Amino acid sequence: MNKKTILLLTTILVSTMILGLVSCSPKAQSAPPSNPEATTGSSSLDGQTLLNERCTVCHTLDRVKDSRKSQEEWEKTVSRMVGKGAVLTPEEQKILIEYLTQTYGK
């Protein structure tokens, strides 16, 4: 093999490795929108939709599904998540807590 072929193959190998590493890296978490009105569109969302659209911004549904909490515990969890940046109006929090308690309650 000549030097040009070796250089070309080395470049291809390195590029492939870099692409492989980039594709395996965790996704960058985007910050939740600062304006709740921009994401809600309607205050008539149901609990399951709120869970799927708002909670999965930061974590998977498996984390929620594996939890069994009382209403009080879900209230604390939702409040803590809002404190960390979850975008939920007070009305949406109530809807979500009710859904979580009924679906994933003790």
PDB file of N, CA and C in Angstrom:
ATOM      1  N   MET A   1       0.847  -1.183   0.000  1.00  0.00           N
ATOM      2  CA  MET A   1       0.000   0.000   0.000  1.00  0.00           C
ATOM      3  C   MET A   1       0.888   1.240   0.000  1.00  0.00           C
ATOM      4  N   ASN A   2       0.440   2.220  -0.716  1.00  0.00           N
ATOM      5  CA  ASN A   2       1.215   3.463  -0.713  1.00  0.00           C
ATOM      6  C   ASN A   2       0.746   4.389   0.406  1.00  0.00           C
ATOM      7  N   LYS A   3       1.474   5.443   0.640  1.00  0.00           N
ATOM      8  CA  LYS A   3       1.201   6.357   1.748  1.00  0.00           C
ATOM      9  C   LYS A   3      -0.149   7.044   1.616  1.00  0.00           C
ATOM     10  N   LYS A   4      -0.571   7.359   0.402  1.00  0.00           N
ATOM     11  CA  LYS A   4      -1.868   8.016   0.208  1.00  0.00           C
ATOM     12  C   LYS A   4      -3.012   7.090   0.603  1.00  0.00           C
ATOM     13  N   THR A   5      -2.925   5.836   0.279  1.00  0.00           N
ATOM     14  CA  THR A   5      -3.961   4.863   0.625  1.00  0.00           C
ATOM     15  C   THR A   5      -4.022   4.681   2.137  1.00  0.00           C
ATOM     16  N   ILE A   6      -2.861   4.576   2.772  1.00  0.00           N
ATOM     17  CA  ILE A   6      -2.821   4.424   4.228  1.00  0.00           C
ATOM     18  C   ILE A   6      -3.414   5.655   4.904  1.00  0.00           C
ATOM     19  N   LEU A   7      -3.078   6.829   4.407  1.00  0.00           N
ATOM     20  CA  LEU A   7      -3.619   8.064   4.961  1.00  0.00           C
ATOM     21  C   LEU A   7      -5.131   8.122   4.792  1.00  0.00           C
ATOM     22  N   LEU A   8      -5.624   7.739   3.633  1.00  0.00           N
ATOM     23  CA  LEU A   8      -7.068   7.733   3.367  1.00  0.00           C
ATOM     24  C   LEU A   8      -7.784   6.760   4.290  1.00  0.00           C
ATOM     25  N   LEU A   9      -7.254   5.552   4.420  1.00  0.00           N
ATOM     26  CA  LEU A   9      -7.876   4.547   5.291  1.00  0.00           C
ATOM     27  C   LEU A   9      -7.842   4.989   6.760  1.00  0.00           C
ATOM     28  N   THR A  10      -6.756   5.596   7.181  1.00  0.00           N
ATOM     29  CA  THR A  10      -6.655   6.092   8.551  1.00  0.00           C
ATOM     30  C   THR A  10      -7.683   7.192   8.802  1.00  0.00           C
ATOM     31  N   THR A  11      -7.842   8.088   7.853  1.00  0.00           N
ATOM     32  CA  THR A  11      -8.829   9.167   7.969  1.00  0.00           C
ATOM     33  C   THR A  11     -10.236   8.606   8.058  1.00  0.00           C
ATOM     34  N   ILE A  12     -10.546   7.636   7.240  1.00  0.00           N
ATOM     35  CA  ILE A  12     -11.874   7.006   7.266  1.00  0.00           C
ATOM     36  C   ILE A  12     -12.098   6.312   8.601  1.00  0.00           C
ATOM     37  N   LEU A  13     -11.105   5.593   9.090  1.00  0.00           N
ATOM     38  CA  LEU A  13     -11.231   4.885  10.359  1.00  0.00           C
ATOM     39  C   LEU A  13     -11.458   5.854  11.521  1.00  0.00           C
ATOM     40  N   VAL A  14     -10.671   6.901  11.579  1.00  0.00           N
ATOM     41  CA  VAL A  14     -10.810   7.882  12.653  1.00  0.00           C
ATOM     42  C   VAL A  14     -12.171   8.576  12.579  1.00  0.00           C
ATOM     43  N   SER A  15     -12.592   8.942  11.384  1.00  0.00           N
ATOM     44  CA  SER A  15     -13.903   9.594  11.209  1.00  0.00           C
ATOM     45  C   SER A  15     -15.027   8.678  11.660  1.00  0.00           C
ATOM     46  N   THR A  16     -14.939   7.404  11.318  1.00  0.00           N
ATOM     47  CA  THR A  16     -15.961   6.437  11.723  1.00  0.00           C
ATOM     48  C   THR A  16     -15.998   6.289  13.237  1.00  0.00           C
ATOM     49  N   MET A  17     -14.830   6.257  13.857  1.00  0.00           N
ATOM     50  CA  MET A  17     -14.790   6.144  15.315  1.00  0.00           C
ATOM     51  C   MET A  17     -15.400   7.372  15.977  1.00  0.00           C
ATOM     52  N   ILE A  18     -15.106   8.544  15.458  1.00  0.00           N
ATOM     53  CA  ILE A  18     -15.656   9.775  16.027  1.00  0.00           C
ATOM     54  C   ILE A  18     -17.172   9.798  15.884  1.00  0.00           C
ATOM     55  N   LEU A  19     -17.664   9.431  14.710  1.00  0.00           N
ATOM     56  CA  LEU A  19     -19.117   9.386  14.500  1.00  0.00           C
ATOM     57  C   LEU A  19     -19.771   8.377  15.426  1.00  0.00           C
ATOM     58  N   GLY A  20     -19.125   7.253  15.635  1.00  0.00           N
ATOM     59  CA  GLY A  20     -19.661   6.242  16.539  1.00  0.00           C
ATOM     60  C   GLY A  20     -19.749   6.745  17.964  1.00  0.00           C
ATOM     61  N   LEU A  21     -18.713   7.433  18.406  1.00  0.00           N
ATOM     62  CA  LEU A  21     -18.719   7.979  19.761  1.00  0.00           C
ATOM     63  C   LEU A  21     -19.782   9.057  19.936  1.00  0.00           C
ATOM     64  N   VAL A  22     -19.923   9.910  18.948  1.00  0.00           N
ATOM     65  CA  VAL A  22     -20.912  10.981  19.023  1.00  0.00           C
ATOM     66  C   VAL A  22     -22.316  10.403  19.056  1.00  0.00           C
ATOM     67  N   SER A  23     -22.578   9.385  18.269  1.00  0.00           N
ATOM     68  CA  SER A  23     -23.927   8.818  18.222  1.00  0.00           C
ATOM     69  C   SER A  23     -24.270   8.057  19.489  1.00  0.00           C
ATOM     70  N   CYS A  24     -23.277   7.620  20.247  1.00  0.00           N
ATOM     71  CA  CYS A  24     -23.521   6.889  21.489  1.00  0.00           C
ATOM     72  C   CYS A  24     -23.579   7.784  22.711  1.00  0.00           C
ATOM     73  N   SER A  25     -23.207   9.027  22.566  1.00  0.00           N
ATOM     74  CA  SER A  25     -23.200   9.916  23.718  1.00  0.00           C
ATOM     75  C   SER A  25     -24.621  10.266  24.114  1.00  0.00           C
ATOM     76  N   PRO A  26     -24.863  10.539  25.409  1.00  0.00           N
ATOM     77  CA  PRO A  26     -26.215  10.902  25.838  1.00  0.00           C
ATOM     78  C   PRO A  26     -26.659  12.200  25.176  1.00  0.00           C
ATOM     79  N   LYS A  27     -27.944  12.260  24.938  1.00  0.00           N
ATOM     80  CA  LYS A  27     -28.506  13.471  24.338  1.00  0.00           C
ATOM     81  C   LYS A  27     -28.391  14.628  25.314  1.00  0.00           C
ATOM     82  N   ALA A  28     -28.101  15.777  24.779  1.00  0.00           N
ATOM     83  CA  ALA A  28     -28.078  16.976  25.615  1.00  0.00           C
ATOM     84  C   ALA A  28     -29.499  17.299  26.024  1.00  0.00           C
ATOM     85  N   GLN A  29     -29.689  17.572  27.291  1.00  0.00           N
ATOM     86  CA  GLN A  29     -31.017  17.899  27.774  1.00  0.00           C
ATOM     87  C   GLN A  29     -31.298  19.356  27.479  1.00  0.00           C
ATOM     88  N   SER A  30     -32.384  19.580  26.810  1.00  0.00           N
ATOM     89  CA  SER A  30     -32.741  20.963  26.536  1.00  0.00           C
ATOM     90  C   SER A  30     -33.463  21.531  27.745  1.00  0.00           C
ATOM     91  N   ALA A  31     -33.255  22.781  27.972  1.00  0.00           N
ATOM     92  CA  ALA A  31     -33.919  23.441  29.089  1.00  0.00           C
ATOM     93  C   ALA A  31     -35.396  23.554  28.798  1.00  0.00           C
ATOM     94  N   PRO A  32     -36.245  23.374  29.815  1.00  0.00           N
ATOM     95  CA  PRO A  32     -37.675  23.520  29.587  1.00  0.00           C
ATOM     96  C   PRO A  32     -37.988  24.945  29.164  1.00  0.00           C
ATOM     97  N   PRO A  33     -39.031  25.109  28.368  1.00  0.00           N
ATOM     98  CA  PRO A  33     -39.402  26.448  27.934  1.00  0.00           C
ATOM     99  C   PRO A  33     -39.681  27.340  29.132  1.00  0.00           C
ATOM    100  N   SER A  34     -39.313  28.597  29.045  1.00  0.00           N
ATOM    101  CA  SER A  34     -39.515  29.507  30.167  1.00  0.00           C
ATOM    102  C   SER A  34     -40.943  30.013  30.246  1.00  0.00           C
ATOM    103  N   ASN A  35     -41.694  29.865  29.176  1.00  0.00           N
ATOM    104  CA  ASN A  35     -43.062  30.356  29.140  1.00  0.00           C
ATOM    105  C   ASN A  35     -44.038  29.185  29.084  1.00  0.00           C
ATOM    106  N   PRO A  36     -44.719  28.867  30.207  1.00  0.00           N
ATOM    107  CA  PRO A  36     -45.645  27.742  30.200  1.00  0.00           C
ATOM    108  C   PRO A  36     -46.752  27.892  29.167  1.00  0.00           C
ATOM    109  N   GLU A  37     -47.167  29.109  28.883  1.00  0.00           N
ATOM    110  CA  GLU A  37     -48.239  29.330  27.916  1.00  0.00           C
ATOM    111  C   GLU A  37     -47.839  28.834  26.527  1.00  0.00           C
ATOM    112  N   ALA A  38     -46.562  28.891  26.222  1.00  0.00           N
ATOM    113  CA  ALA A  38     -46.094  28.492  24.900  1.00  0.00           C
ATOM    114  C   ALA A  38     -46.224  26.995  24.682  1.00  0.00           C
ATOM    115  N   THR A  39     -46.179  26.206  25.749  1.00  0.00           N
ATOM    116  CA  THR A  39     -46.249  24.765  25.586  1.00  0.00           C
ATOM    117  C   THR A  39     -47.626  24.196  25.871  1.00  0.00           C
ATOM    118  N   THR A  40     -48.426  24.899  26.626  1.00  0.00           N
ATOM    119  CA  THR A  40     -49.704  24.325  27.007  1.00  0.00           C
ATOM    120  C   THR A  40     -50.705  24.381  25.882  1.00  0.00           C
ATOM    121  N   GLY A  41     -50.823  25.510  25.229  1.00  0.00           N
ATOM    122  CA  GLY A  41     -51.782  25.630  24.147  1.00  0.00           C
ATOM    123  C   GLY A  41     -53.202  25.582  24.660  1.00  0.00           C
ATOM    124  N   SER A  42     -53.462  24.695  25.595  1.00  0.00           N
ATOM    125  CA  SER A  42     -54.791  24.543  26.157  1.00  0.00           C
ATOM    126  C   SER A  42     -54.657  24.051  27.584  1.00  0.00           C
ATOM    127  N   SER A  43     -55.497  24.556  28.453  1.00  0.00           N
ATOM    128  CA  SER A  43     -55.443  24.107  29.841  1.00  0.00           C
ATOM    129  C   SER A  43     -56.295  22.865  30.042  1.00  0.00           C
ATOM    130  N   SER A  44     -56.863  22.305  28.965  1.00  0.00           N
ATOM    131  CA  SER A  44     -57.723  21.140  29.081  1.00  0.00           C
ATOM    132  C   SER A  44     -56.955  19.845  28.829  1.00  0.00           C
ATOM    133  N   LEU A  45     -55.649  19.850  29.085  1.00  0.00           N
ATOM    134  CA  LEU A  45     -54.858  18.642  28.912  1.00  0.00           C
ATOM    135  C   LEU A  45     -55.195  17.639  30.004  1.00  0.00           C
ATOM    136  N   ASP A  46     -55.124  16.363  29.657  1.00  0.00           N
ATOM    137  CA  ASP A  46     -55.368  15.333  30.656  1.00  0.00           C
ATOM    138  C   ASP A  46     -54.048  14.931  31.299  1.00  0.00           C
ATOM    139  N   GLY A  47     -54.121  14.204  32.398  1.00  0.00           N
ATOM    140  CA  GLY A  47     -52.940  13.826  33.150  1.00  0.00           C
ATOM    141  C   GLY A  47     -51.940  13.005  32.360  1.00  0.00           C
ATOM    142  N   GLN A  48     -52.437  12.068  31.567  1.00  0.00           N
ATOM    143  CA  GLN A  48     -51.529  11.231  30.780  1.00  0.00           C
ATOM    144  C   GLN A  48     -50.759  12.064  29.752  1.00  0.00           C
ATOM    145  N   THR A  49     -51.445  13.009  29.108  1.00  0.00           N
ATOM    146  CA  THR A  49     -50.787  13.880  28.135  1.00  0.00           C
ATOM    147  C   THR A  49     -49.747  14.753  28.827  1.00  0.00           C
ATOM    148  N   LEU A  50     -50.096  15.298  29.980  1.00  0.00           N
ATOM    149  CA  LEU A  50     -49.137  16.112  30.734  1.00  0.00           C
ATOM    150  C   LEU A  50     -47.906  15.286  31.099  1.00  0.00           C
ATOM    151  N   LEU A  51     -48.128  14.068  31.560  1.00  0.00           N
ATOM    152  CA  LEU A  51     -47.021  13.191  31.919  1.00  0.00           C
ATOM    153  C   LEU A  51     -46.129  12.929  30.707  1.00  0.00           C
ATOM    154  N   ASN A  52     -46.741  12.590  29.586  1.00  0.00           N
ATOM    155  CA  ASN A  52     -45.972  12.269  28.379  1.00  0.00           C
ATOM    156  C   ASN A  52     -45.254  13.477  27.794  1.00  0.00           C
ATOM    157  N   GLU A  53     -45.879  14.637  27.842  1.00  0.00           N
ATOM    158  CA  GLU A  53     -45.291  15.816  27.196  1.00  0.00           C
ATOM    159  C   GLU A  53     -44.348  16.602  28.101  1.00  0.00           C
ATOM    160  N   ARG A  54     -44.618  16.642  29.383  1.00  0.00           N
ATOM    161  CA  ARG A  54     -43.830  17.508  30.261  1.00  0.00           C
ATOM    162  C   ARG A  54     -42.786  16.743  31.068  1.00  0.00           C
ATOM    163  N   CYS A  55     -43.128  15.581  31.552  1.00  0.00           N
ATOM    164  CA  CYS A  55     -42.215  14.864  32.444  1.00  0.00           C
ATOM    165  C   CYS A  55     -41.086  14.168  31.686  1.00  0.00           C
ATOM    166  N   THR A  56     -41.363  13.759  30.459  1.00  0.00           N
ATOM    167  CA  THR A  56     -40.338  13.047  29.698  1.00  0.00           C
ATOM    168  C   THR A  56     -39.301  13.972  29.083  1.00  0.00           C
ATOM    169  N   VAL A  57     -39.424  15.264  29.335  1.00  0.00           N
ATOM    170  CA  VAL A  57     -38.388  16.201  28.893  1.00  0.00           C
ATOM    171  C   VAL A  57     -37.082  15.875  29.613  1.00  0.00           C
ATOM    172  N   CYS A  58     -37.193  15.430  30.865  1.00  0.00           N
ATOM    173  CA  CYS A  58     -35.991  15.183  31.678  1.00  0.00           C
ATOM    174  C   CYS A  58     -35.730  13.707  31.973  1.00  0.00           C
ATOM    175  N   HIS A  59     -36.764  12.875  31.988  1.00  0.00           N
ATOM    176  CA  HIS A  59     -36.542  11.462  32.294  1.00  0.00           C
ATOM    177  C   HIS A  59     -37.569  10.590  31.597  1.00  0.00           C
ATOM    178  N   THR A  60     -37.329   9.286  31.607  1.00  0.00           N
ATOM    179  CA  THR A  60     -38.225   8.349  30.934  1.00  0.00           C
ATOM    180  C   THR A  60     -39.455   8.069  31.789  1.00  0.00           C
ATOM    181  N   LEU A  61     -40.456   7.498  31.159  1.00  0.00           N
ATOM    182  CA  LEU A  61     -41.667   7.127  31.887  1.00  0.00           C
ATOM    183  C   LEU A  61     -41.416   5.955  32.831  1.00  0.00           C
ATOM    184  N   ASP A  62     -40.382   5.164  32.572  1.00  0.00           N
ATOM    185  CA  ASP A  62     -40.077   4.038  33.458  1.00  0.00           C
ATOM    186  C   ASP A  62     -39.862   4.501  34.887  1.00  0.00           C
ATOM    187  N   ARG A  63     -39.269   5.647  35.040  1.00  0.00           N
ATOM    188  CA  ARG A  63     -39.020   6.187  36.385  1.00  0.00           C
ATOM    189  C   ARG A  63     -40.343   6.426  37.110  1.00  0.00           C
ATOM    190  N   VAL A  64     -41.334   6.910  36.395  1.00  0.00           N
ATOM    191  CA  VAL A  64     -42.648   7.159  36.991  1.00  0.00           C
ATOM    192  C   VAL A  64     -43.377   5.841  37.208  1.00  0.00           C
ATOM    193  N   LYS A  65     -43.350   4.979  36.202  1.00  0.00           N
ATOM    194  CA  LYS A  65     -44.082   3.711  36.273  1.00  0.00           C
ATOM    195  C   LYS A  65     -43.578   2.805  37.387  1.00  0.00           C
ATOM    196  N   ASP A  66     -42.306   2.925  37.730  1.00  0.00           N
ATOM    197  CA  ASP A  66     -41.736   2.103  38.794  1.00  0.00           C
ATOM    198  C   ASP A  66     -42.044   2.651  40.185  1.00  0.00           C
ATOM    199  N   SER A  67     -42.656   3.823  40.259  1.00  0.00           N
ATOM    200  CA  SER A  67     -42.960   4.453  41.544  1.00  0.00           C
ATOM    201  C   SER A  67     -44.397   4.172  41.947  1.00  0.00           C
ATOM    202  N   ARG A  68     -44.590   3.940  43.199  1.00  0.00           N
ATOM    203  CA  ARG A  68     -45.931   3.811  43.785  1.00  0.00           C
ATOM    204  C   ARG A  68     -45.973   4.769  44.958  1.00  0.00           C
ATOM    205  N   LYS A  69     -46.711   5.856  44.796  1.00  0.00           N
ATOM    206  CA  LYS A  69     -46.723   6.900  45.821  1.00  0.00           C
ATOM    207  C   LYS A  69     -48.149   7.285  46.180  1.00  0.00           C
ATOM    208  N   SER A  70     -48.299   7.786  47.386  1.00  0.00           N
ATOM    209  CA  SER A  70     -49.584   8.329  47.825  1.00  0.00           C
ATOM    210  C   SER A  70     -49.782   9.695  47.160  1.00  0.00           C
ATOM    211  N   GLN A  71     -50.986  10.239  47.301  1.00  0.00           N
ATOM    212  CA  GLN A  71     -51.250  11.561  46.727  1.00  0.00           C
ATOM    213  C   GLN A  71     -50.295  12.596  47.311  1.00  0.00           C
ATOM    214  N   GLU A  72     -50.077  12.540  48.598  1.00  0.00           N
ATOM    215  CA  GLU A  72     -49.167  13.494  49.236  1.00  0.00           C
ATOM    216  C   GLU A  72     -47.750  13.362  48.679  1.00  0.00           C
ATOM    217  N   GLU A  73     -47.312  12.138  48.462  1.00  0.00           N
ATOM    218  CA  GLU A  73     -45.971  11.922  47.908  1.00  0.00           C
ATOM    219  C   GLU A  73     -45.876  12.424  46.473  1.00  0.00           C
ATOM    220  N   TRP A  74     -46.946  12.205  45.674  1.00  0.00           N
ATOM    221  CA  TRP A  74     -46.939  12.723  44.303  1.00  0.00           C
ATOM    222  C   TRP A  74     -46.938  14.246  44.308  1.00  0.00           C
ATOM    223  N   GLU A  75     -47.681  14.850  45.252  1.00  0.00           N
ATOM    224  CA  GLU A  75     -47.684  16.320  45.360  1.00  0.00           C
ATOM    225  C   GLU A  75     -46.270  16.835  45.622  1.00  0.00           C
ATOM    226  N   LYS A  76     -45.549  16.186  46.532  1.00  0.00           N
ATOM    227  CA  LYS A  76     -44.178  16.588  46.836  1.00  0.00           C
ATOM    228  C   LYS A  76     -43.277  16.400  45.616  1.00  0.00           C
ATOM    229  N   THR A  77     -43.452  15.286  44.917  1.00  0.00           N
ATOM    230  CA  THR A  77     -42.624  15.003  43.742  1.00  0.00           C
ATOM    231  C   THR A  77     -42.870  16.031  42.649  1.00  0.00           C
ATOM    232  N   VAL A  78     -44.135  16.305  42.351  1.00  0.00           N
ATOM    233  CA  VAL A  78     -44.461  17.268  41.293  1.00  0.00           C
ATOM    234  C   VAL A  78     -43.946  18.655  41.684  1.00  0.00           C
ATOM    235  N   SER A  79     -44.127  19.026  42.936  1.00  0.00           N
ATOM    236  CA  SER A  79     -43.635  20.321  43.407  1.00  0.00           C
ATOM    237  C   SER A  79     -42.118  20.412  43.252  1.00  0.00           C
ATOM    238  N   ARG A  80     -41.425  19.334  43.595  1.00  0.00           N
ATOM    239  CA  ARG A  80     -39.966  19.308  43.457  1.00  0.00           C
ATOM    240  C   ARG A  80     -39.557  19.428  41.988  1.00  0.00           C
ATOM    241  N   MET A  81     -40.286  18.749  41.093  1.00  0.00           N
ATOM    242  CA  MET A  81     -39.972  18.804  39.665  1.00  0.00           C
ATOM    243  C   MET A  81     -40.222  20.207  39.098  1.00  0.00           C
ATOM    244  N   VAL A  82     -41.273  20.855  39.552  1.00  0.00           N
ATOM    245  CA  VAL A  82     -41.542  22.235  39.127  1.00  0.00           C
ATOM    246  C   VAL A  82     -40.402  23.135  39.600  1.00  0.00           C
ATOM    247  N   GLY A  83     -39.928  22.886  40.807  1.00  0.00           N
ATOM    248  CA  GLY A  83     -38.791  23.641  41.324  1.00  0.00           C
ATOM    249  C   GLY A  83     -37.522  23.436  40.512  1.00  0.00           C
ATOM    250  N   LYS A  84     -37.435  22.279  39.852  1.00  0.00           N
ATOM    251  CA  LYS A  84     -36.268  21.984  39.010  1.00  0.00           C
ATOM    252  C   LYS A  84     -36.466  22.426  37.567  1.00  0.00           C
ATOM    253  N   GLY A  85     -37.652  22.996  37.266  1.00  0.00           N
ATOM    254  CA  GLY A  85     -37.850  23.533  35.924  1.00  0.00           C
ATOM    255  C   GLY A  85     -38.979  22.926  35.116  1.00  0.00           C
ATOM    256  N   ALA A  86     -39.700  21.947  35.664  1.00  0.00           N
ATOM    257  CA  ALA A  86     -40.849  21.386  34.936  1.00  0.00           C
ATOM    258  C   ALA A  86     -41.867  22.495  34.706  1.00  0.00           C
ATOM    259  N   VAL A  87     -42.403  22.563  33.502  1.00  0.00           N
ATOM    260  CA  VAL A  87     -43.323  23.640  33.136  1.00  0.00           C
ATOM    261  C   VAL A  87     -44.755  23.134  33.290  1.00  0.00           C
ATOM    262  N   LEU A  88     -45.373  23.510  34.403  1.00  0.00           N
ATOM    263  CA  LEU A  88     -46.752  23.133  34.705  1.00  0.00           C
ATOM    264  C   LEU A  88     -47.421  24.275  35.443  1.00  0.00           C
ATOM    265  N   THR A  89     -48.588  24.653  34.967  1.00  0.00           N
ATOM    266  CA  THR A  89     -49.371  25.653  35.687  1.00  0.00           C
ATOM    267  C   THR A  89     -49.933  24.997  36.945  1.00  0.00           C
ATOM    268  N   PRO A  90     -50.402  25.774  37.910  1.00  0.00           N
ATOM    269  CA  PRO A  90     -51.019  25.181  39.102  1.00  0.00           C
ATOM    270  C   PRO A  90     -52.179  24.239  38.745  1.00  0.00           C
ATOM    271  N   GLU A  91     -52.986  24.614  37.764  1.00  0.00           N
ATOM    272  CA  GLU A  91     -54.099  23.752  37.340  1.00  0.00           C
ATOM    273  C   GLU A  91     -53.580  22.434  36.761  1.00  0.00           C
ATOM    274  N   GLU A  92     -52.544  22.526  35.941  1.00  0.00           N
ATOM    275  CA  GLU A  92     -51.963  21.320  35.340  1.00  0.00           C
ATOM    276  C   GLU A  92     -51.322  20.436  36.400  1.00  0.00           C
ATOM    277  N   GLN A  93     -50.738  21.035  37.418  1.00  0.00           N
ATOM    278  CA  GLN A  93     -50.165  20.252  38.511  1.00  0.00           C
ATOM    279  C   GLN A  93     -51.242  19.424  39.191  1.00  0.00           C
ATOM    280  N   LYS A  94     -52.394  20.031  39.445  1.00  0.00           N
ATOM    281  CA  LYS A  94     -53.499  19.309  40.084  1.00  0.00           C
ATOM    282  C   LYS A  94     -53.958  18.145  39.213  1.00  0.00           C
ATOM    283  N   ILE A  95     -54.095  18.389  37.919  1.00  0.00           N
ATOM    284  CA  ILE A  95     -54.523  17.349  36.981  1.00  0.00           C
ATOM    285  C   ILE A  95     -53.506  16.217  36.960  1.00  0.00           C
ATOM    286  N   LEU A  96     -52.232  16.562  36.899  1.00  0.00           N
ATOM    287  CA  LEU A  96     -51.170  15.560  36.852  1.00  0.00           C
ATOM    288  C   LEU A  96     -51.122  14.749  38.140  1.00  0.00           C
ATOM    289  N   ILE A  97     -51.215  15.418  39.274  1.00  0.00           N
ATOM    290  CA  ILE A  97     -51.168  14.723  40.565  1.00  0.00           C
ATOM    291  C   ILE A  97     -52.339  13.754  40.689  1.00  0.00           C
ATOM    292  N   GLU A  98     -53.508  14.174  40.270  1.00  0.00           N
ATOM    293  CA  GLU A  98     -54.675  13.289  40.314  1.00  0.00           C
ATOM    294  C   GLU A  98     -54.451  12.059  39.439  1.00  0.00           C
ATOM    295  N   TYR A  99     -53.927  12.269  38.235  1.00  0.00           N
ATOM    296  CA  TYR A  99     -53.650  11.159  37.324  1.00  0.00           C
ATOM    297  C   TYR A  99     -52.597  10.209  37.918  1.00  0.00           C
ATOM    298  N   LEU A 100     -51.507  10.784  38.429  1.00  0.00           N
ATOM    299  CA  LEU A 100     -50.438   9.961  39.009  1.00  0.00           C
ATOM    300  C   LEU A 100     -50.942   9.152  40.192  1.00  0.00           C
ATOM    301  N   THR A 101     -51.770   9.771  41.024  1.00  0.00           N
ATOM    302  CA  THR A 101     -52.310   9.076  42.203  1.00  0.00           C
ATOM    303  C   THR A 101     -53.214   7.933  41.780  1.00  0.00           C
ATOM    304  N   GLN A 102     -54.064   8.162  40.800  1.00  0.00           N
ATOM    305  CA  GLN A 102     -54.982   7.109  40.330  1.00  0.00           C
ATOM    306  C   GLN A 102     -54.236   5.997  39.606  1.00  0.00           C
ATOM    307  N   THR A 103     -53.228   6.352  38.832  1.00  0.00           N
ATOM    308  CA  THR A 103     -52.549   5.371  37.988  1.00  0.00           C
ATOM    309  C   THR A 103     -51.367   4.717  38.681  1.00  0.00           C
ATOM    310  N   TYR A 104     -50.619   5.483  39.454  1.00  0.00           N
ATOM    311  CA  TYR A 104     -49.397   4.982  40.096  1.00  0.00           C
ATOM    312  C   TYR A 104     -49.417   5.216  41.600  1.00  0.00           C
ATOM    313  N   GLY A 105     -50.605   5.138  42.182  1.00  0.00           N
ATOM    314  CA  GLY A 105     -50.744   5.355  43.618  1.00  0.00           C
ATOM    315  C   GLY A 105     -50.542   4.085  44.411  1.00  0.00           C
ATOM    316  N   LYS A 106     -50.401   4.267  45.718  1.00  0.00           N
ATOM    317  CA  LYS A 106     -50.237   3.121  46.630  1.00  0.00           C
ATOM    318  C   LYS A 106     -51.542   2.417  46.823  1.00  0.00           C
TER     319      LYS A 106
END
